């Protein structure tokens, strides 16, 4: 077990579909794809932080975007949606690699390493197709006690990065454990890296 503090982690959070956050927090995948959100400058994604909290979002995720074998994970994520005006943070991630993918072929080769349908991946690729689709390889840690935070106006909008306002009492100590042990993570990461 590790105990981290707000000083160690900072307050950066990465907005991602709740089903993706759950897949990462359960060890079903160790990677994500990302392009810039609508509210990001020039609609360009930038890898701004080496580690960050995973901030689950509930807009836009739908059954057609997730492979059939992961529909149960999507249903569970939707069923666990917090009360309106709240967000539950249960994990943080450390970036192992961030790779800009500039052609579709290596993107499609990653199909066995994530929960997303091919249609979903193609749609992400085709949005601003002149810009790269970033592959993020992540080592994820689950908090022993999830943090329930109020959703502030600053957290809203279609963008990748936000800065959380953390209660000092919450952020003094954050015990957490890696979702996957070293060997399991390295095995899954090696499958992703072999297809860059």
Protein backbone atom coordinates (compact mmCIF):
# COMPACT_ATOMS: atom_id res chain seq x y z
CA UNK A 1 0.00 0.00 0.00
CA UNK A 2 1.09 3.56 -0.69
CA UNK A 3 0.03 6.71 1.07
CA UNK A 4 0.14 9.82 -1.05
CA UNK A 5 -0.63 13.40 -0.18
CA UNK A 6 -2.15 16.27 -2.10
CA UNK A 7 1.36 17.77 -2.29
CA UNK A 8 2.63 14.62 -4.01
CA UNK A 9 -0.27 14.20 -6.41
CA UNK A 10 -1.34 17.78 -7.04
CA UNK A 11 -4.95 18.47 -7.98
CA UNK A 12 -4.95 17.70 -11.72
CA UNK A 13 -7.77 15.47 -12.91
CA UNK A 14 -8.38 13.87 -16.28
CA UNK A 15 -11.98 13.70 -17.49
CA UNK A 16 -12.90 10.36 -19.01
CA UNK A 17 -16.01 8.23 -19.44
CA UNK A 18 -17.00 6.50 -16.19
CA UNK A 19 -16.87 3.10 -17.92
CA UNK A 20 -13.26 3.79 -18.98
CA UNK A 21 -12.31 4.87 -15.46
CA UNK A 22 -13.85 1.65 -14.12
CA UNK A 23 -12.05 -0.48 -16.71
CA UNK A 24 -8.75 1.09 -15.67
CA UNK A 25 -9.57 0.77 -11.95
CA UNK A 26 -10.43 -2.93 -12.39
CA UNK A 27 -7.38 -3.77 -14.50
CA UNK A 28 -9.41 -4.54 -17.65
CA UNK A 29 -7.18 -2.17 -19.62
CA UNK A 30 -4.08 -0.02 -19.09
CA UNK A 31 -4.56 2.42 -21.95
CA UNK A 32 -6.80 5.17 -23.30
CA UNK A 33 -7.10 7.08 -26.56
CA UNK A 34 -7.59 10.85 -26.48
CA UNK A 35 -8.06 13.82 -28.77
CA UNK A 36 -8.69 17.33 -27.58
CA UNK A 37 -12.10 18.27 -26.23
CA UNK A 38 -14.29 20.93 -27.80
CA UNK A 39 -13.34 23.49 -25.14
CA UNK A 40 -9.59 22.88 -25.41
CA UNK A 41 -7.47 25.44 -27.18
CA UNK A 42 -7.38 24.64 -30.91
CA UNK A 43 -9.16 21.34 -30.08
CA UNK A 44 -5.69 19.88 -29.44
CA UNK A 45 -4.91 17.43 -26.65
CA UNK A 46 -1.73 18.10 -24.70
CA UNK A 47 -0.18 15.74 -22.18
CA UNK A 48 -0.01 18.28 -19.38
CA UNK A 49 0.49 16.14 -16.27
CA UNK A 50 2.60 13.05 -15.44
CA UNK A 51 -0.06 11.83 -12.99
CA UNK A 52 -3.65 12.77 -12.28
CA UNK A 53 -6.92 11.75 -10.68
CA UNK A 54 -9.41 9.97 -12.94
CA UNK A 55 -12.57 12.08 -13.11
CA UNK A 56 -15.53 9.98 -14.37
CA UNK A 57 -18.01 11.58 -16.75
CA UNK A 58 -21.38 10.27 -17.91
CA UNK A 59 -22.08 12.16 -21.14
CA UNK A 60 -21.70 10.50 -24.55
CA UNK A 61 -20.91 6.96 -23.37
CA UNK A 62 -23.38 4.52 -24.89
CA UNK A 63 -23.67 0.80 -25.63
CA UNK A 64 -22.58 1.20 -29.26
CA UNK A 65 -19.23 2.64 -28.09
CA UNK A 66 -18.35 -0.37 -25.93
CA UNK A 67 -17.56 -3.94 -27.01
CA UNK A 68 -20.35 -6.45 -26.27
CA UNK A 69 -18.31 -8.30 -23.66
CA UNK A 70 -17.99 -5.07 -21.63
CA UNK A 71 -21.66 -4.03 -21.67
CA UNK A 72 -21.98 -5.20 -18.06
CA UNK A 73 -19.18 -2.81 -17.07
CA UNK A 74 -21.02 0.04 -18.80
CA UNK A 75 -24.30 -0.85 -17.07
CA UNK A 76 -22.56 -0.97 -13.69
CA UNK A 77 -20.89 2.42 -14.31
CA UNK A 78 -24.22 4.01 -15.20
CA UNK A 79 -25.97 2.42 -12.22
CA UNK A 80 -23.30 3.81 -9.86
CA UNK A 81 -23.68 7.39 -11.12
CA UNK A 82 -23.53 9.73 -8.10
CA UNK A 83 -26.24 12.16 -7.12
CA UNK A 84 -26.61 15.21 -9.37
CA UNK A 85 -23.93 17.73 -8.44
CA UNK A 86 -21.49 15.14 -7.07
CA UNK A 87 -18.55 13.23 -8.50
CA UNK A 88 -16.82 10.24 -6.96
CA UNK A 89 -13.05 9.99 -7.48
CA UNK A 90 -11.75 6.50 -6.77
CA UNK A 91 -8.45 6.25 -8.65
CA UNK A 92 -5.45 8.10 -9.96
CA UNK A 93 -3.10 7.29 -12.82
CA UNK A 94 0.57 7.70 -13.58
CA UNK A 95 1.57 8.09 -17.23
CA UNK A 96 3.93 5.38 -18.43
CA UNK A 97 3.91 6.55 -22.05
CA UNK A 98 2.01 9.07 -24.17
CA UNK A 99 2.27 8.34 -27.88
CA UNK A 100 0.75 10.44 -30.69
CA UNK A 101 -0.75 8.05 -33.24
CA UNK A 102 -0.64 9.59 -36.69
CA UNK A 103 -2.11 6.79 -38.78
CA UNK A 104 -5.16 4.60 -38.33
CA UNK A 105 -3.45 1.22 -38.79
CA UNK A 106 -1.60 1.11 -35.43
CA UNK A 107 -4.70 2.48 -33.69
CA UNK A 108 -6.85 -0.40 -34.96
CA UNK A 109 -4.15 -2.92 -34.00
CA UNK A 110 -4.78 -2.04 -30.35
CA UNK A 111 -8.30 -3.53 -30.50
CA UNK A 112 -7.46 -6.37 -28.12
CA UNK A 113 -6.15 -3.99 -25.46
CA UNK A 114 -9.22 -1.89 -24.66
CA UNK A 115 -12.99 -1.96 -24.13
CA UNK A 116 -14.05 0.35 -26.99
CA UNK A 117 -15.88 -0.71 -30.15
CA UNK A 118 -14.25 -0.20 -33.51
CA UNK A 119 -16.92 2.36 -34.42
CA UNK A 120 -16.04 4.36 -31.31
CA UNK A 121 -12.32 4.30 -32.11
CA UNK A 122 -12.93 5.28 -35.74
CA UNK A 123 -15.11 8.19 -34.62
CA UNK A 124 -12.38 9.41 -32.27
CA UNK A 125 -9.82 9.11 -35.05
CA UNK A 126 -11.95 10.93 -37.62
CA UNK A 127 -12.78 13.91 -35.38
CA UNK A 128 -10.17 16.47 -36.51
CA UNK A 129 -8.44 13.72 -38.48
CA UNK A 130 -5.50 16.01 -39.23
CA UNK A 131 -4.53 15.86 -35.54
CA UNK A 132 -3.00 12.83 -33.79
CA UNK A 133 -4.95 10.46 -31.59
CA UNK A 134 -2.96 10.07 -28.40
CA UNK A 135 -2.46 6.67 -26.81
CA UNK A 136 -1.94 6.97 -23.05
CA UNK A 137 -0.41 4.01 -21.26
CA UNK A 138 -1.35 4.30 -17.59
CA UNK A 139 -0.39 2.68 -14.30
CA UNK A 140 -3.49 3.05 -12.15
CA UNK A 141 -3.85 3.17 -8.37
CA UNK A 142 -7.14 2.75 -6.52
CA UNK A 143 -7.85 4.92 -3.48
CA UNK A 144 -8.78 2.95 -0.37
CA UNK A 145 -11.53 5.48 0.28
CA UNK A 146 -13.11 7.20 -2.76
CA UNK A 147 -13.50 10.97 -2.51
CA UNK A 148 -16.96 12.41 -3.13
CA UNK A 149 -16.65 15.99 -4.35
CA UNK A 150 -19.08 18.71 -5.32
CA UNK A 151 -19.14 19.33 -9.07
CA UNK A 152 -18.00 22.92 -9.48
CA UNK A 153 -18.64 25.08 -12.54
CA UNK A 154 -14.91 24.88 -13.30
CA UNK A 155 -15.24 21.11 -13.77
CA UNK A 156 -17.85 21.28 -16.51
CA UNK A 157 -17.41 21.35 -20.28
CA UNK A 158 -15.83 19.09 -22.88
CA UNK A 159 -12.14 19.22 -22.04
CA UNK A 160 -9.55 16.78 -20.82
CA UNK A 161 -7.98 18.56 -17.84
CA UNK A 162 -9.42 20.19 -14.75
CA UNK A 163 -7.98 21.27 -11.40
CA UNK A 164 -9.85 19.82 -8.45
CA UNK A 165 -10.57 21.85 -5.35
CA UNK A 166 -9.75 19.39 -2.57
CA UNK A 167 -10.74 19.71 1.05
CA UNK A 168 -7.42 19.87 2.99
CA UNK A 169 -8.75 17.22 5.36
CA UNK A 170 -9.39 14.85 2.44
CA UNK A 171 -6.01 15.39 0.88
CA UNK A 172 -3.73 14.95 3.91
CA UNK A 173 -3.27 11.25 3.24
CA UNK A 174 -4.62 9.15 0.40
CA UNK A 175 -3.88 5.45 0.96
CA UNK A 176 -4.00 3.57 -2.34
CA UNK A 177 -2.93 0.35 -3.99
CA UNK A 178 -1.85 -0.41 -7.55
CA UNK A 179 -4.70 -2.00 -9.46
CA UNK A 180 -2.28 -4.51 -10.98
CA UNK A 181 0.91 -5.85 -9.44
CA UNK A 182 4.17 -5.13 -11.25
CA UNK A 183 4.22 -8.36 -13.26
CA UNK A 184 0.59 -8.11 -14.37
CA UNK A 185 0.97 -4.47 -15.35
CA UNK A 186 4.19 -5.10 -17.30
CA UNK A 187 2.53 -7.98 -19.17
CA UNK A 188 -0.44 -5.84 -20.24
CA UNK A 189 1.74 -2.83 -21.02
CA UNK A 190 4.05 -4.98 -23.16
CA UNK A 191 1.09 -5.99 -25.35
CA UNK A 192 0.25 -2.33 -25.94
CA UNK A 193 3.86 -1.27 -26.57
CA UNK A 194 4.43 -4.10 -29.05
CA UNK A 195 1.82 -2.48 -31.32
CA UNK A 196 3.03 1.15 -31.30
